[in-house]
């Protein structure tokens, strides 16, 4: 009984009112988001994306072996980028017509290198914002990070080869 009296003395009645208003406000917003926003078709996931951004479907941002094989053979303007370290590329090999830009260099190369420097380093033109970029690594994890980096830099057609080198090597023997 004495504990209740102490709490009432320490915590003023006005705090209890503010707390209940804050709690009811949180409940209102949580209810509003659940009932009105989260069910909207223009939002696919509230975690990891902006509230009103539209996320591209997985089939548009990931590619498989057959797709990469066609792109590597066609050489139709798509750029296939290996984000593994140069030692890994030497040890394991690479997808034909791909260039090597290690993951740590993806952001500086795509954002800061001039067109002339890019052409000198990779013997191809620097990609424009709508150029198709296909990233791969050993298993698809680093390439996913590179893809997100490219998207954040404004490249609208960045894709991730999920199977990456492991899938390529096992299928192309």
N, C-alpha and C. Protein backbone atom coordinates (compact mmCIF):
# COMPACT_ATOMS: atom_id res chain seq x y z
N UNK A 1 0.82 -1.19 0.00
CA UNK A 1 0.00 0.00 0.00
C UNK A 1 0.86 1.25 0.00
N UNK A 2 1.91 1.24 0.76
CA UNK A 2 2.77 2.41 0.79
C UNK A 2 3.47 2.63 -0.54
N UNK A 3 3.71 1.58 -1.30
CA UNK A 3 4.33 1.70 -2.61
C UNK A 3 3.44 2.47 -3.57
N UNK A 4 2.14 2.24 -3.55
CA UNK A 4 1.21 2.99 -4.39
C UNK A 4 1.22 4.46 -4.05
N UNK A 5 1.28 4.76 -2.83
CA UNK A 5 1.31 6.15 -2.39
C UNK A 5 2.57 6.82 -2.90
N UNK A 6 3.69 6.16 -2.84
CA UNK A 6 4.96 6.72 -3.32
C UNK A 6 4.89 6.96 -4.82
N UNK A 7 4.37 6.03 -5.56
CA UNK A 7 4.26 6.18 -7.01
C UNK A 7 3.37 7.36 -7.35
N UNK A 8 2.29 7.49 -6.68
CA UNK A 8 1.39 8.61 -6.94
C UNK A 8 2.05 9.94 -6.61
N UNK A 9 2.88 9.95 -5.62
CA UNK A 9 3.56 11.19 -5.26
C UNK A 9 4.65 11.50 -6.28
N UNK A 10 5.40 10.51 -6.72
CA UNK A 10 6.51 10.72 -7.66
C UNK A 10 5.98 11.03 -9.05
N UNK A 11 4.99 10.32 -9.51
CA UNK A 11 4.46 10.51 -10.86
C UNK A 11 3.24 11.42 -10.77
N UNK A 12 3.35 12.64 -11.25
CA UNK A 12 2.21 13.54 -11.16
C UNK A 12 1.05 13.09 -12.05
N UNK A 13 -0.18 13.45 -11.68
CA UNK A 13 -1.35 13.05 -12.46
C UNK A 13 -1.29 13.54 -13.91
N UNK A 14 -0.68 14.69 -14.17
CA UNK A 14 -0.60 15.19 -15.55
C UNK A 14 0.20 14.26 -16.45
N UNK A 15 1.21 13.58 -15.90
CA UNK A 15 2.00 12.64 -16.69
C UNK A 15 1.14 11.48 -17.16
N UNK A 16 0.25 11.01 -16.30
CA UNK A 16 -0.62 9.91 -16.66
C UNK A 16 -1.52 10.31 -17.83
N UNK A 17 -1.99 11.53 -17.86
CA UNK A 17 -2.83 12.00 -18.96
C UNK A 17 -2.02 12.05 -20.25
N UNK A 18 -0.82 12.61 -20.19
CA UNK A 18 0.05 12.69 -21.38
C UNK A 18 0.36 11.30 -21.89
N UNK A 19 0.67 10.39 -20.97
CA UNK A 19 0.99 9.02 -21.37
C UNK A 19 -0.19 8.37 -22.05
N UNK A 20 -1.40 8.55 -21.55
CA UNK A 20 -2.56 7.92 -22.16
C UNK A 20 -2.86 8.53 -23.53
N UNK A 21 -2.62 9.84 -23.69
CA UNK A 21 -2.80 10.47 -25.01
C UNK A 21 -1.78 9.92 -25.99
N UNK A 22 -0.53 9.79 -25.53
CA UNK A 22 0.51 9.25 -26.40
C UNK A 22 0.19 7.82 -26.81
N UNK A 23 -0.26 7.03 -25.87
CA UNK A 23 -0.61 5.64 -26.16
C UNK A 23 -1.77 5.56 -27.15
N UNK A 24 -2.78 6.38 -26.98
CA UNK A 24 -3.91 6.34 -27.91
C UNK A 24 -3.51 6.85 -29.29
N UNK A 25 -2.58 7.82 -29.36
CA UNK A 25 -2.09 8.31 -30.65
C UNK A 25 -1.32 7.21 -31.37
N UNK A 26 -0.47 6.50 -30.63
CA UNK A 26 0.27 5.38 -31.24
C UNK A 26 -0.69 4.32 -31.76
N UNK A 27 -1.71 4.00 -30.98
CA UNK A 27 -2.69 3.01 -31.41
C UNK A 27 -3.41 3.47 -32.68
N UNK A 28 -3.75 4.77 -32.75
CA UNK A 28 -4.42 5.30 -33.92
C UNK A 28 -3.54 5.14 -35.16
N UNK A 29 -2.27 5.58 -35.06
CA UNK A 29 -1.39 5.49 -36.23
C UNK A 29 -1.12 4.05 -36.63
N UNK A 30 -0.92 3.19 -35.65
CA UNK A 30 -0.70 1.78 -35.95
C UNK A 30 -1.92 1.20 -36.67
N UNK A 31 -3.11 1.54 -36.18
CA UNK A 31 -4.34 1.08 -36.81
C UNK A 31 -4.49 1.65 -38.21
N UNK A 32 -4.18 2.94 -38.36
CA UNK A 32 -4.30 3.58 -39.67
C UNK A 32 -3.37 2.94 -40.69
N UNK A 33 -2.12 2.72 -40.28
CA UNK A 33 -1.15 2.10 -41.20
C UNK A 33 -1.60 0.70 -41.57
N UNK A 34 -2.02 -0.07 -40.59
CA UNK A 34 -2.45 -1.44 -40.85
C UNK A 34 -3.66 -1.48 -41.78
N UNK A 35 -4.65 -0.64 -41.53
CA UNK A 35 -5.90 -0.70 -42.28
C UNK A 35 -5.87 0.04 -43.61
N UNK A 36 -5.08 1.09 -43.74
CA UNK A 36 -5.15 1.92 -44.93
C UNK A 36 -3.92 1.87 -45.82
N UNK A 37 -2.76 1.76 -45.23
CA UNK A 37 -1.55 1.84 -46.04
C UNK A 37 -1.01 0.47 -46.39
N UNK A 38 -0.89 -0.39 -45.41
CA UNK A 38 -0.25 -1.68 -45.65
C UNK A 38 -1.03 -2.55 -46.63
N UNK A 39 -2.33 -2.30 -46.77
CA UNK A 39 -3.11 -3.11 -47.69
C UNK A 39 -3.12 -2.52 -49.10
N UNK A 40 -2.55 -1.34 -49.29
CA UNK A 40 -2.52 -0.73 -50.61
C UNK A 40 -1.64 -1.54 -51.54
N UNK A 41 -2.02 -1.59 -52.81
CA UNK A 41 -1.27 -2.40 -53.77
C UNK A 41 0.06 -1.78 -54.15
N UNK A 42 0.24 -0.48 -53.90
CA UNK A 42 1.49 0.15 -54.30
C UNK A 42 2.62 -0.03 -53.30
N UNK A 43 2.37 -0.72 -52.21
CA UNK A 43 3.44 -0.99 -51.26
C UNK A 43 3.56 -2.49 -51.12
N UNK A 44 4.76 -3.01 -51.38
CA UNK A 44 4.96 -4.45 -51.26
C UNK A 44 5.60 -4.82 -49.94
N UNK A 45 6.40 -3.93 -49.39
CA UNK A 45 7.05 -4.23 -48.13
C UNK A 45 7.34 -2.93 -47.41
N UNK A 46 6.99 -2.86 -46.14
CA UNK A 46 7.26 -1.64 -45.39
C UNK A 46 8.65 -1.68 -44.79
N UNK A 47 9.25 -2.85 -44.68
CA UNK A 47 10.58 -2.94 -44.12
C UNK A 47 11.60 -2.83 -45.24
N UNK A 48 12.61 -1.99 -45.04
CA UNK A 48 13.69 -1.87 -46.01
C UNK A 48 13.36 -1.03 -47.22
N UNK A 49 12.22 -0.36 -47.25
CA UNK A 49 11.92 0.51 -48.38
C UNK A 49 11.18 1.74 -47.87
N UNK A 50 11.16 2.75 -48.68
CA UNK A 50 10.42 3.95 -48.30
C UNK A 50 8.93 3.62 -48.28
N UNK A 51 8.20 4.37 -47.47
CA UNK A 51 6.80 4.07 -47.27
C UNK A 51 5.99 4.09 -48.55
N UNK A 52 6.22 5.05 -49.44
CA UNK A 52 5.41 5.14 -50.64
C UNK A 52 6.19 4.77 -51.91
N UNK A 53 7.32 4.11 -51.78
CA UNK A 53 8.08 3.66 -52.93
C UNK A 53 7.49 2.36 -53.46
N UNK A 54 7.62 2.17 -54.74
CA UNK A 54 7.16 0.93 -55.34
C UNK A 54 8.38 0.06 -55.58
N UNK A 55 8.35 -1.15 -55.08
CA UNK A 55 9.44 -2.07 -55.27
C UNK A 55 9.20 -2.87 -56.52
N UNK A 56 10.25 -3.08 -57.30
CA UNK A 56 10.12 -3.87 -58.51
C UNK A 56 9.93 -5.33 -58.15
N UNK A 57 9.15 -6.06 -58.94
CA UNK A 57 8.98 -7.49 -58.69
C UNK A 57 10.31 -8.22 -58.80
N UNK A 58 10.47 -9.30 -58.03
CA UNK A 58 11.73 -10.03 -57.99
C UNK A 58 12.19 -10.49 -59.37
N UNK A 59 11.24 -10.88 -60.24
CA UNK A 59 11.63 -11.38 -61.56
C UNK A 59 12.23 -10.28 -62.44
N UNK A 60 12.01 -9.03 -62.10
CA UNK A 60 12.59 -7.93 -62.87
C UNK A 60 13.96 -7.51 -62.36
N UNK A 61 14.31 -7.89 -61.14
CA UNK A 61 15.58 -7.45 -60.59
C UNK A 61 16.56 -8.60 -60.38
N UNK A 62 16.12 -9.82 -60.59
CA UNK A 62 17.02 -10.97 -60.53
C UNK A 62 16.96 -11.71 -61.87
N UNK A 63 18.06 -12.34 -62.21
CA UNK A 63 18.12 -13.09 -63.46
C UNK A 63 18.70 -14.47 -63.20
N UNK A 64 18.49 -15.39 -64.16
CA UNK A 64 18.97 -16.75 -64.00
C UNK A 64 20.04 -17.06 -65.06
N UNK A 65 20.52 -18.29 -65.03
CA UNK A 65 21.59 -18.74 -65.91
C UNK A 65 21.25 -18.52 -67.39
N UNK A 66 20.07 -18.95 -67.82
CA UNK A 66 19.70 -18.83 -69.23
C UNK A 66 19.70 -17.37 -69.70
N UNK A 67 19.20 -16.49 -68.86
CA UNK A 67 19.15 -15.07 -69.20
C UNK A 67 20.57 -14.51 -69.36
N UNK A 68 21.44 -14.82 -68.40
CA UNK A 68 22.82 -14.32 -68.45
C UNK A 68 23.56 -14.92 -69.64
N UNK A 69 23.32 -16.19 -69.93
CA UNK A 69 23.97 -16.84 -71.07
C UNK A 69 23.60 -16.14 -72.37
N UNK A 70 22.31 -15.81 -72.54
CA UNK A 70 21.86 -15.07 -73.74
C UNK A 70 22.52 -13.70 -73.81
N UNK A 71 22.56 -12.99 -72.70
CA UNK A 71 23.14 -11.64 -72.67
C UNK A 71 24.64 -11.68 -72.93
N UNK A 72 25.34 -12.67 -72.38
CA UNK A 72 26.79 -12.80 -72.59
C UNK A 72 27.10 -13.08 -74.05
N UNK A 73 26.28 -13.89 -74.70
CA UNK A 73 26.50 -14.23 -76.10
C UNK A 73 26.08 -13.11 -77.04
N UNK A 74 25.00 -12.42 -76.71
CA UNK A 74 24.44 -11.39 -77.60
C UNK A 74 25.28 -10.13 -77.62
N UNK A 75 25.89 -9.79 -76.48
CA UNK A 75 26.66 -8.56 -76.37
C UNK A 75 25.83 -7.38 -76.91
N UNK A 76 24.60 -7.25 -76.38
CA UNK A 76 23.62 -6.28 -76.90
C UNK A 76 23.53 -4.98 -76.11
N UNK A 77 24.57 -4.62 -75.40
CA UNK A 77 24.54 -3.38 -74.64
C UNK A 77 24.42 -3.60 -73.14
N UNK A 78 23.98 -4.78 -72.73
CA UNK A 78 23.95 -5.09 -71.30
C UNK A 78 25.39 -5.26 -70.83
N UNK A 79 25.66 -4.81 -69.62
CA UNK A 79 27.01 -4.94 -69.06
C UNK A 79 26.94 -5.94 -67.91
N UNK A 80 27.74 -6.98 -68.02
CA UNK A 80 27.81 -8.01 -66.97
C UNK A 80 29.02 -7.67 -66.11
N UNK A 81 28.76 -7.45 -64.82
CA UNK A 81 29.82 -6.99 -63.91
C UNK A 81 30.07 -8.02 -62.82
N UNK A 82 31.30 -8.50 -62.76
CA UNK A 82 31.76 -9.43 -61.74
C UNK A 82 32.29 -8.60 -60.57
N UNK A 83 31.70 -8.74 -59.39
CA UNK A 83 32.11 -7.93 -58.25
C UNK A 83 33.04 -8.67 -57.29
N UNK A 84 33.56 -9.82 -57.73
CA UNK A 84 34.52 -10.54 -56.90
C UNK A 84 35.88 -9.85 -56.96
N UNK A 85 36.76 -10.22 -56.06
CA UNK A 85 38.12 -9.69 -56.06
C UNK A 85 38.89 -10.29 -57.23
N UNK A 86 39.86 -9.55 -57.79
CA UNK A 86 40.61 -10.05 -58.95
C UNK A 86 41.24 -11.43 -58.72
N UNK A 87 41.69 -11.72 -57.50
CA UNK A 87 42.28 -13.03 -57.20
C UNK A 87 41.26 -14.15 -57.38
N UNK A 88 40.01 -13.89 -56.99
CA UNK A 88 38.95 -14.88 -57.15
C UNK A 88 38.67 -15.13 -58.64
N UNK A 89 38.68 -14.07 -59.42
CA UNK A 89 38.43 -14.20 -60.85
C UNK A 89 39.53 -15.03 -61.49
N UNK A 90 40.79 -14.77 -61.13
CA UNK A 90 41.92 -15.54 -61.67
C UNK A 90 41.83 -17.01 -61.27
N UNK A 91 41.43 -17.25 -60.03
CA UNK A 91 41.37 -18.63 -59.53
C UNK A 91 40.21 -19.43 -60.12
N UNK A 92 39.04 -18.81 -60.26
CA UNK A 92 37.84 -19.56 -60.65
C UNK A 92 37.39 -19.35 -62.09
N UNK A 93 37.73 -18.22 -62.68
CA UNK A 93 37.27 -17.92 -64.03
C UNK A 93 36.19 -16.86 -64.02
N UNK A 94 35.67 -16.54 -65.21
CA UNK A 94 34.65 -15.50 -65.30
C UNK A 94 33.67 -15.79 -66.42
N UNK A 95 32.53 -15.12 -66.37
CA UNK A 95 31.52 -15.24 -67.41
C UNK A 95 32.03 -14.47 -68.63
N UNK A 96 31.90 -15.04 -69.83
CA UNK A 96 32.38 -14.34 -71.03
C UNK A 96 31.76 -12.95 -71.18
N UNK A 97 32.55 -12.02 -71.68
CA UNK A 97 32.15 -10.63 -71.92
C UNK A 97 31.79 -9.86 -70.66
N UNK A 98 32.25 -10.33 -69.50
CA UNK A 98 32.00 -9.60 -68.26
C UNK A 98 33.23 -8.77 -67.91
N UNK A 99 33.00 -7.74 -67.09
CA UNK A 99 34.10 -6.93 -66.59
C UNK A 99 34.17 -7.10 -65.08
N UNK A 100 35.35 -6.89 -64.52
CA UNK A 100 35.55 -7.06 -63.08
C UNK A 100 35.66 -5.70 -62.40
N UNK A 101 34.66 -5.40 -61.55
CA UNK A 101 34.71 -4.22 -60.69
C UNK A 101 34.45 -4.74 -59.28
N UNK A 102 35.49 -4.91 -58.45
CA UNK A 102 35.27 -5.42 -57.10
C UNK A 102 34.23 -4.61 -56.34
N UNK A 103 33.50 -5.27 -55.46
CA UNK A 103 32.39 -4.65 -54.74
C UNK A 103 32.77 -3.31 -54.12
N UNK A 104 33.93 -3.24 -53.50
CA UNK A 104 34.34 -1.99 -52.84
C UNK A 104 34.51 -0.84 -53.83
N UNK A 105 34.70 -1.16 -55.11
CA UNK A 105 34.91 -0.13 -56.12
C UNK A 105 33.67 0.22 -56.93
N UNK A 106 32.59 -0.51 -56.75
CA UNK A 106 31.39 -0.29 -57.57
C UNK A 106 30.89 1.14 -57.45
N UNK A 107 30.70 1.62 -56.24
CA UNK A 107 30.18 2.98 -56.05
C UNK A 107 31.11 4.04 -56.63
N UNK A 108 32.41 4.04 -56.29
CA UNK A 108 33.27 5.07 -56.86
C UNK A 108 33.39 5.00 -58.38
N UNK A 109 33.44 3.80 -58.93
CA UNK A 109 33.58 3.66 -60.38
C UNK A 109 32.32 4.15 -61.10
N UNK A 110 31.16 3.73 -60.63
CA UNK A 110 29.92 4.12 -61.30
C UNK A 110 29.56 5.58 -61.08
N UNK A 111 30.03 6.18 -60.00
CA UNK A 111 29.64 7.56 -59.73
C UNK A 111 30.71 8.59 -60.06
N UNK A 112 31.99 8.26 -59.89
CA UNK A 112 33.04 9.27 -60.00
C UNK A 112 33.93 9.17 -61.23
N UNK A 113 34.04 8.01 -61.81
CA UNK A 113 34.94 7.82 -62.95
C UNK A 113 34.30 8.45 -64.20
N UNK A 114 35.10 9.20 -64.94
CA UNK A 114 34.59 9.82 -66.17
C UNK A 114 34.39 8.76 -67.25
N UNK A 115 33.65 9.14 -68.29
CA UNK A 115 33.42 8.20 -69.40
C UNK A 115 34.73 7.78 -70.05
N UNK A 116 35.63 8.73 -70.21
CA UNK A 116 36.93 8.45 -70.84
C UNK A 116 37.74 7.46 -69.99
N UNK A 117 37.80 7.71 -68.67
CA UNK A 117 38.54 6.81 -67.78
C UNK A 117 37.91 5.43 -67.75
N UNK A 118 36.58 5.37 -67.72
CA UNK A 118 35.87 4.09 -67.70
C UNK A 118 36.23 3.29 -68.95
N UNK A 119 36.21 3.94 -70.11
CA UNK A 119 36.52 3.28 -71.37
C UNK A 119 37.96 2.77 -71.37
N UNK A 120 38.89 3.54 -70.81
CA UNK A 120 40.28 3.12 -70.73
C UNK A 120 40.45 1.91 -69.80
N UNK A 121 39.73 1.90 -68.70
CA UNK A 121 39.88 0.82 -67.72
C UNK A 121 39.21 -0.47 -68.16
N UNK A 122 38.02 -0.38 -68.81
CA UNK A 122 37.22 -1.58 -69.08
C UNK A 122 36.97 -1.86 -70.56
N UNK A 123 37.46 -1.01 -71.44
CA UNK A 123 37.30 -1.15 -72.89
C UNK A 123 35.84 -1.18 -73.35
N UNK A 124 34.97 -0.60 -72.58
CA UNK A 124 33.56 -0.42 -72.98
C UNK A 124 33.12 0.95 -72.50
N UNK A 125 32.02 1.42 -73.06
CA UNK A 125 31.49 2.72 -72.64
C UNK A 125 30.90 2.65 -71.25
N UNK A 126 31.01 3.75 -70.52
CA UNK A 126 30.42 3.82 -69.19
C UNK A 126 28.91 3.71 -69.32
N UNK A 127 28.27 2.93 -68.45
CA UNK A 127 26.82 2.76 -68.56
C UNK A 127 26.05 4.05 -68.29
N UNK A 128 24.96 4.20 -69.01
CA UNK A 128 24.02 5.30 -68.77
C UNK A 128 23.06 4.81 -67.69
N UNK A 129 22.19 5.70 -67.20
CA UNK A 129 21.30 5.30 -66.11
C UNK A 129 20.27 4.24 -66.51
N UNK A 130 20.00 4.08 -67.82
CA UNK A 130 19.03 3.07 -68.25
C UNK A 130 19.71 1.83 -68.84
N UNK A 131 21.05 1.78 -68.84
CA UNK A 131 21.78 0.61 -69.33
C UNK A 131 21.50 -0.58 -68.41
N UNK A 132 21.32 -1.74 -69.01
CA UNK A 132 21.11 -2.95 -68.22
C UNK A 132 22.44 -3.39 -67.61
N UNK A 133 22.47 -3.46 -66.28
CA UNK A 133 23.65 -3.92 -65.55
C UNK A 133 23.29 -5.23 -64.87
N UNK A 134 24.09 -6.26 -65.11
CA UNK A 134 23.87 -7.56 -64.46
C UNK A 134 25.08 -7.83 -63.57
N UNK A 135 24.85 -7.89 -62.27
CA UNK A 135 25.92 -8.11 -61.31
C UNK A 135 25.96 -9.58 -60.91
N UNK A 136 27.19 -10.09 -60.75
CA UNK A 136 27.35 -11.43 -60.19
C UNK A 136 28.61 -11.49 -59.35
N UNK A 137 28.68 -12.48 -58.47
CA UNK A 137 29.85 -12.71 -57.63
C UNK A 137 30.07 -14.22 -57.53
N UNK A 138 30.29 -14.75 -56.37
CA UNK A 138 30.46 -16.19 -56.23
C UNK A 138 29.12 -16.89 -56.01
N UNK A 139 28.28 -16.35 -55.12
CA UNK A 139 26.99 -17.00 -54.84
C UNK A 139 25.79 -16.06 -54.97
N UNK A 140 26.01 -14.77 -55.12
CA UNK A 140 24.90 -13.84 -55.31
C UNK A 140 24.71 -12.82 -54.20
N UNK A 141 25.45 -12.94 -53.12
CA UNK A 141 25.27 -12.01 -51.99
C UNK A 141 25.93 -10.65 -52.27
N UNK A 142 27.20 -10.65 -52.63
CA UNK A 142 27.90 -9.39 -52.92
C UNK A 142 27.28 -8.71 -54.14
N UNK A 143 26.85 -9.51 -55.11
CA UNK A 143 26.24 -8.91 -56.29
C UNK A 143 24.93 -8.23 -55.95
N UNK A 144 24.22 -8.74 -54.96
CA UNK A 144 23.00 -8.07 -54.49
C UNK A 144 23.31 -6.72 -53.88
N UNK A 145 24.41 -6.64 -53.14
CA UNK A 145 24.84 -5.37 -52.56
C UNK A 145 25.24 -4.39 -53.67
N UNK A 146 25.95 -4.91 -54.68
CA UNK A 146 26.35 -4.05 -55.80
C UNK A 146 25.12 -3.55 -56.55
N UNK A 147 24.15 -4.41 -56.72
CA UNK A 147 22.90 -4.01 -57.39
C UNK A 147 22.22 -2.88 -56.63
N UNK A 148 22.12 -3.00 -55.33
CA UNK A 148 21.50 -1.96 -54.52
C UNK A 148 22.29 -0.66 -54.58
N UNK A 149 23.61 -0.76 -54.64
CA UNK A 149 24.46 0.42 -54.79
C UNK A 149 24.15 1.11 -56.10
N UNK A 150 24.09 0.34 -57.19
CA UNK A 150 23.80 0.91 -58.51
C UNK A 150 22.43 1.58 -58.52
N UNK A 151 21.45 0.94 -57.93
CA UNK A 151 20.10 1.52 -57.88
C UNK A 151 20.13 2.83 -57.11
N UNK A 152 20.86 2.86 -56.00
CA UNK A 152 20.93 4.09 -55.20
C UNK A 152 21.67 5.20 -55.95
N UNK A 153 22.51 4.84 -56.91
CA UNK A 153 23.22 5.83 -57.73
C UNK A 153 22.39 6.28 -58.93
N UNK A 154 21.20 5.70 -59.10
CA UNK A 154 20.31 6.14 -60.17
C UNK A 154 20.22 5.22 -61.36
N UNK A 155 20.89 4.08 -61.33
CA UNK A 155 20.80 3.12 -62.43
C UNK A 155 19.48 2.37 -62.30
N UNK A 156 18.65 2.47 -63.31
CA UNK A 156 17.27 1.98 -63.24
C UNK A 156 17.12 0.52 -63.67
N UNK A 157 18.15 -0.05 -64.28
CA UNK A 157 18.02 -1.39 -64.85
C UNK A 157 19.11 -2.32 -64.31
N UNK A 158 19.34 -2.27 -63.00
CA UNK A 158 20.36 -3.10 -62.37
C UNK A 158 19.74 -4.42 -61.94
N UNK A 159 20.42 -5.52 -62.27
CA UNK A 159 19.90 -6.85 -61.97
C UNK A 159 20.96 -7.68 -61.26
N UNK A 160 20.52 -8.69 -60.54
CA UNK A 160 21.40 -9.57 -59.79
C UNK A 160 21.24 -11.00 -60.29
N UNK A 161 22.36 -11.60 -60.68
CA UNK A 161 22.36 -13.01 -61.06
C UNK A 161 22.51 -13.80 -59.76
N UNK A 162 21.38 -14.32 -59.27
CA UNK A 162 21.35 -14.97 -57.96
C UNK A 162 22.29 -16.16 -57.86
N UNK A 163 22.34 -17.00 -58.84
CA UNK A 163 23.22 -18.18 -58.78
C UNK A 163 24.68 -17.82 -58.90
N UNK A 164 24.95 -16.73 -59.58
CA UNK A 164 26.28 -16.18 -59.78
C UNK A 164 27.27 -17.22 -60.30
N UNK A 165 28.54 -17.06 -59.97
CA UNK A 165 29.58 -17.91 -60.56
C UNK A 165 29.37 -19.38 -60.24
N UNK A 166 28.93 -19.71 -59.05
CA UNK A 166 28.71 -21.11 -58.67
C UNK A 166 27.73 -21.77 -59.62
N UNK A 167 26.63 -21.11 -59.91
CA UNK A 167 25.62 -21.63 -60.83
C UNK A 167 26.19 -21.70 -62.25
N UNK A 168 26.86 -20.65 -62.68
CA UNK A 168 27.41 -20.59 -64.04
C UNK A 168 28.40 -21.73 -64.26
N UNK A 169 29.33 -21.91 -63.34
CA UNK A 169 30.37 -22.94 -63.48
C UNK A 169 29.77 -24.34 -63.50
N UNK A 170 28.74 -24.59 -62.70
CA UNK A 170 28.16 -25.92 -62.66
C UNK A 170 27.35 -26.24 -63.90
N UNK A 171 26.79 -25.24 -64.55
CA UNK A 171 25.94 -25.46 -65.74
C UNK A 171 26.70 -25.39 -67.05
N UNK A 172 27.81 -24.72 -67.08
CA UNK A 172 28.49 -24.52 -68.36
C UNK A 172 29.63 -25.52 -68.60
N UNK A 173 29.66 -26.60 -67.86
CA UNK A 173 30.71 -27.61 -68.07
C UNK A 173 30.35 -28.58 -69.16
